Amino acid sequence: MVTCQPSGKLLLTYKFVKGVCMPRQQKQRTRLARLIIEKQGAATDREIAEQRGWLQQTFNRWKNGGTPRPDMYASLADFLGVTHDEIEALVLEARQAVSTPVPRTGVFNTAKTYGRVSDRKDGKYAFDAFNNGRKRIPEGRYWIEIDTKVMEPALPVGTRAWVDPGVWPKPGFEVLVHAKSGAAWLGRLQSLGDGTAILTRDAGPPVNVREVEAVHAIVLSERIPAG
């Protein structure tokens, strides 16, 4: 099963029009997001994050439809005043709420696969030269195998992610950053400037990628491994 989930736009639902994932309309917040907002009250994101020892960006993402990593369940359950079982159920419900099947045909399903993981711990990919050695960075849509845990649970191991070089990446987007060295790193874009991209990870340390040649946005991703 695949989720039609354009990065950085979690408050929108999407439909396929002639094989293309298109914005449809704003959807209602998940029950988890509503509970978090209600519990927050008049406090700011920063105040809550500092009190709980969370990143402000992480807390904001939960409010906007993102789901926590398993190691954050206990902390969030304590904040909401619910049990561990209840928080697990809320997270599962939130993930299912954004599930939309992808048809078997379309521009994304005909895309080629490029790259391979060269360092699972670092979320690092290697891209071999193609077209008789003239190119190394794909110019059209392609997909990669997620074989690293650095972006779990957003991008689980064993799934695929579709990448579109034609989409301009913005902070908060899940991306693949290609460096001059021939390597590429998976992560969530925090900032880009002076040839350096700063990436955050859901289940790994942040990384600074220098001598950036291209930043490609992940526009579609599977939620559940095939098989």
Protein backbone atom coordinates (compact mmCIF):
# COMPACT_ATOMS: atom_id res chain seq x y z
CA MET A 1 0.00 0.00 0.00
CA VAL A 2 1.26 3.46 -0.85
CA THR A 3 0.47 6.87 0.57
CA CYS A 4 0.06 9.86 -1.71
CA GLN A 5 1.93 12.22 0.58
CA PRO A 6 3.66 15.24 -0.99
CA SER A 7 6.35 16.42 1.42
CA GLY A 8 5.78 19.51 3.50
CA LYS A 9 2.01 19.65 2.83
CA LEU A 10 0.54 17.41 5.49
CA LEU A 11 -2.67 19.43 5.84
CA LEU A 12 -3.77 18.64 2.29
CA THR A 13 -5.26 15.52 0.81
CA TYR A 14 -4.32 14.52 -2.72
CA LYS A 15 -5.93 12.68 -5.59
CA PHE A 16 -4.52 11.24 -8.80
CA VAL A 17 -5.49 12.97 -12.03
CA LYS A 18 -4.15 11.16 -15.09
CA GLY A 19 -1.44 9.56 -12.98
CA VAL A 20 -0.35 12.78 -11.28
CA CYS A 21 -0.75 13.47 -7.56
CA MET A 22 -2.80 16.67 -7.32
CA PRO A 23 -3.99 18.76 -4.34
CA ARG A 24 -7.68 18.31 -3.60
CA GLN A 25 -8.79 20.12 -0.48
CA GLN A 26 -7.83 20.72 3.11
CA LYS A 27 -8.69 17.79 5.33
CA GLN A 28 -9.66 17.66 8.95
CA ARG A 29 -6.91 17.23 11.48
CA THR A 30 -6.32 13.77 12.89
CA ARG A 31 -7.62 13.01 16.36
CA LEU A 32 -4.04 12.92 17.64
CA ALA A 33 -3.34 16.42 16.25
CA ARG A 34 -6.58 17.77 17.73
CA LEU A 35 -5.75 16.36 21.17
CA ILE A 36 -2.27 17.90 21.05
CA ILE A 37 -3.64 21.32 20.10
CA GLU A 38 -6.33 21.16 22.80
CA LYS A 39 -3.76 20.18 25.43
CA GLN A 40 -1.42 22.97 24.34
CA GLY A 41 -3.97 25.63 25.21
CA ALA A 42 -2.55 29.16 25.18
CA ALA A 43 1.07 28.03 25.49
CA THR A 44 3.39 28.55 22.51
CA ASP A 45 5.10 25.73 20.66
CA ARG A 46 8.42 26.87 22.07
CA GLU A 47 7.15 26.83 25.66
CA ILE A 48 5.75 23.32 25.33
CA ALA A 49 8.87 22.04 23.58
CA GLU A 50 11.19 23.48 26.25
CA GLN A 51 9.06 22.10 29.08
CA ARG A 52 9.04 18.63 27.58
CA GLY A 53 12.54 18.52 26.16
CA TRP A 54 11.31 18.25 22.58
CA LEU A 55 12.41 20.08 19.46
CA GLN A 56 9.98 22.88 18.64
CA GLN A 57 9.95 21.69 15.02
CA THR A 58 8.99 18.19 16.15
CA PHE A 59 6.09 19.42 18.26
CA ASN A 60 4.84 21.61 15.43
CA ARG A 61 4.98 18.66 13.04
CA TRP A 62 2.83 16.55 15.38
CA LYS A 63 0.24 19.35 15.45
CA ASN A 64 0.15 19.39 11.67
CA GLY A 65 -0.42 15.69 11.12
CA GLY A 66 3.02 14.15 11.69
CA THR A 67 3.40 11.16 13.97
CA PRO A 68 6.02 10.54 16.67
CA ARG A 69 8.74 7.91 16.68
CA PRO A 70 8.11 4.94 19.00
CA ASP A 71 10.72 6.23 21.46
CA MET A 72 8.61 9.40 21.87
CA TYR A 73 5.36 7.59 22.69
CA ALA A 74 5.86 7.62 26.46
CA SER A 75 6.67 11.34 26.56
CA LEU A 76 3.73 12.30 24.36
CA ALA A 77 1.37 10.00 26.27
CA ASP A 78 2.40 11.73 29.50
CA PHE A 79 1.76 15.14 27.93
CA LEU A 80 -1.71 14.11 26.75
CA GLY A 81 -2.56 12.19 29.90
CA VAL A 82 -3.25 8.93 28.07
CA THR A 83 -1.87 5.40 28.34
CA HIS A 84 0.84 3.89 26.15
CA ASP A 85 -1.76 1.69 24.43
CA GLU A 86 -3.93 4.72 23.74
CA ILE A 87 -1.06 6.69 22.19
CA GLU A 88 -0.19 3.71 19.97
CA ALA A 89 -3.81 3.57 18.79
CA LEU A 90 -3.85 7.32 18.11
CA VAL A 91 -0.64 7.12 16.09
CA LEU A 92 -1.93 4.19 14.04
CA GLU A 93 -5.19 6.03 13.40
CA ALA A 94 -3.28 9.15 12.31
CA ARG A 95 -1.12 7.18 9.86
CA GLN A 96 -4.12 5.42 8.35
CA ALA A 97 -5.91 8.74 7.92
CA VAL A 98 -3.42 9.84 5.25
CA SER A 99 -3.41 6.56 3.30
CA THR A 100 -4.44 6.84 -0.34
CA PRO A 101 -3.85 3.97 -2.81
CA VAL A 102 -1.62 4.63 -5.80
CA PRO A 103 -2.82 3.23 -9.13
CA ARG A 104 -0.67 0.72 -10.99
CA THR A 105 -0.09 3.10 -13.90
CA GLY A 106 1.09 6.67 -14.10
CA VAL A 107 4.21 8.77 -14.35
CA PHE A 108 5.55 7.69 -10.98
CA ASN A 109 5.08 3.96 -11.55
CA THR A 110 7.01 4.13 -14.81
CA ALA A 111 9.94 5.98 -13.22
CA LYS A 112 13.31 4.22 -13.09
CA THR A 113 15.22 3.33 -9.95
CA TYR A 114 18.58 5.01 -9.33
CA GLY A 115 21.12 4.96 -6.53
CA ARG A 116 21.91 2.48 -3.77
CA VAL A 117 22.59 2.81 -0.08
CA SER A 118 26.32 2.96 0.64
CA ASP A 119 26.10 3.77 4.37
CA ARG A 120 22.89 2.77 6.18
CA LYS A 121 23.85 4.44 9.46
CA ASP A 122 24.50 7.77 7.74
CA GLY A 123 21.57 7.61 5.30
CA LYS A 124 24.06 7.89 2.44
CA TYR A 125 23.47 6.82 -1.17
CA ALA A 126 25.84 6.28 -4.08
CA PHE A 127 24.86 7.13 -7.66
CA ASP A 128 26.83 5.44 -10.42
CA ALA A 129 27.44 7.17 -13.74
CA PHE A 130 25.09 6.34 -16.61
CA ASN A 131 24.65 7.32 -20.28
CA ASN A 132 28.19 6.13 -21.02
CA GLY A 133 29.52 7.93 -17.96
CA ARG A 134 28.23 11.35 -19.00
CA LYS A 135 25.67 11.68 -16.19
CA ARG A 136 25.46 10.74 -12.54
CA ILE A 137 22.53 12.76 -11.22
CA PRO A 138 19.10 11.85 -12.69
CA GLU A 139 17.23 14.68 -14.39
CA GLY A 140 13.79 13.08 -14.61
CA ARG A 141 11.56 11.45 -12.00
CA TYR A 142 13.05 8.37 -10.34
CA TRP A 143 12.63 6.27 -7.23
CA ILE A 144 14.94 4.96 -4.55
CA GLU A 145 14.80 1.98 -2.22
CA ILE A 146 14.65 3.04 1.44
CA ASP A 147 17.33 0.84 2.98
CA THR A 148 18.26 3.05 5.95
CA LYS A 149 16.45 3.83 9.20
CA VAL A 150 17.43 7.50 9.48
CA MET A 151 13.98 8.73 8.39
CA GLU A 152 11.76 6.20 10.14
CA PRO A 153 8.83 6.23 10.68
CA ALA A 154 8.25 8.71 7.82
CA LEU A 155 10.21 6.58 5.33
CA PRO A 156 10.30 2.96 6.60
CA VAL A 157 12.98 0.48 5.57
CA GLY A 158 11.80 -1.76 2.73
CA THR A 159 9.66 0.88 1.03
CA ARG A 160 10.18 3.08 -2.01
CA ALA A 161 10.26 6.84 -2.38
CA TRP A 162 9.63 8.73 -5.62
CA VAL A 163 11.84 11.71 -6.34
CA ASP A 164 11.07 14.62 -8.67
CA PRO A 165 13.98 16.92 -9.62
CA GLY A 166 11.45 19.34 -11.09
CA VAL A 167 9.96 20.23 -7.71
CA TRP A 168 11.66 23.11 -5.91
CA PRO A 169 12.59 21.86 -2.41
CA LYS A 170 11.51 23.93 0.57
CA PRO A 171 12.49 23.64 4.26
CA GLY A 172 10.53 20.78 5.79
CA PHE A 173 10.51 18.71 2.59
CA GLU A 174 11.96 15.20 2.61
CA VAL A 175 14.82 15.32 0.12
CA LEU A 176 17.80 13.58 -1.40
CA VAL A 177 20.82 15.90 -1.53
CA HIS A 178 23.45 15.16 -4.18
CA ALA A 179 27.01 16.32 -3.47
CA LYS A 180 29.94 16.87 -5.80
CA SER A 181 31.62 13.78 -4.34
CA GLY A 182 29.05 11.52 -6.01
CA ALA A 183 27.26 10.70 -2.78
CA ALA A 184 23.73 11.72 -1.79
CA TRP A 185 22.12 12.01 1.65
CA LEU A 186 18.53 11.36 2.69
CA GLY A 187 16.83 13.68 5.16
CA ARG A 188 14.45 16.56 5.81
CA LEU A 189 15.68 19.89 4.47
CA GLN A 190 16.29 22.47 7.19
CA SER A 191 18.22 25.06 5.21
CA LEU A 192 20.14 25.52 1.98
CA GLY A 193 22.73 28.19 1.19
CA ASP A 194 26.32 28.80 0.09
CA GLY A 195 26.54 25.31 -1.37
CA THR A 196 25.63 23.63 1.92
CA ALA A 197 22.42 21.83 2.85
CA ILE A 198 21.51 21.09 6.47
CA LEU A 199 19.33 18.01 6.92
CA THR A 200 17.47 16.74 9.98
CA ARG A 201 16.47 13.12 10.47
CA ASP A 202 13.58 11.50 12.35
CA ALA A 203 15.73 8.64 13.64
CA GLY A 204 19.26 9.86 13.20
CA PRO A 205 21.58 12.82 13.78
CA PRO A 206 21.45 15.90 11.51
CA VAL A 207 23.96 16.18 8.70
CA ASN A 208 25.59 19.05 6.82
CA VAL A 209 26.10 18.29 3.13
CA ARG A 210 28.71 20.50 1.49
CA GLU A 211 29.45 21.13 -2.19
CA VAL A 212 25.83 20.49 -3.07
CA GLU A 213 25.11 19.87 -6.75
CA ALA A 214 21.38 19.14 -6.57
CA VAL A 215 18.56 18.87 -4.03
CA HIS A 216 15.73 16.60 -5.16
CA ALA A 217 12.36 16.57 -3.41
CA ILE A 218 10.69 13.32 -2.40
CA VAL A 219 7.12 13.78 -3.60
CA LEU A 220 5.61 10.35 -2.98
CA SER A 221 6.42 7.54 -0.57
CA GLU A 222 5.17 4.13 0.47
CA ARG A 223 4.05 3.66 4.05
CA ILE A 224 4.15 -0.12 4.23
CA PRO A 225 6.88 -2.38 2.74
CA ALA A 226 5.77 -4.40 -0.28
CA GLY A 227 5.01 -8.08 0.22
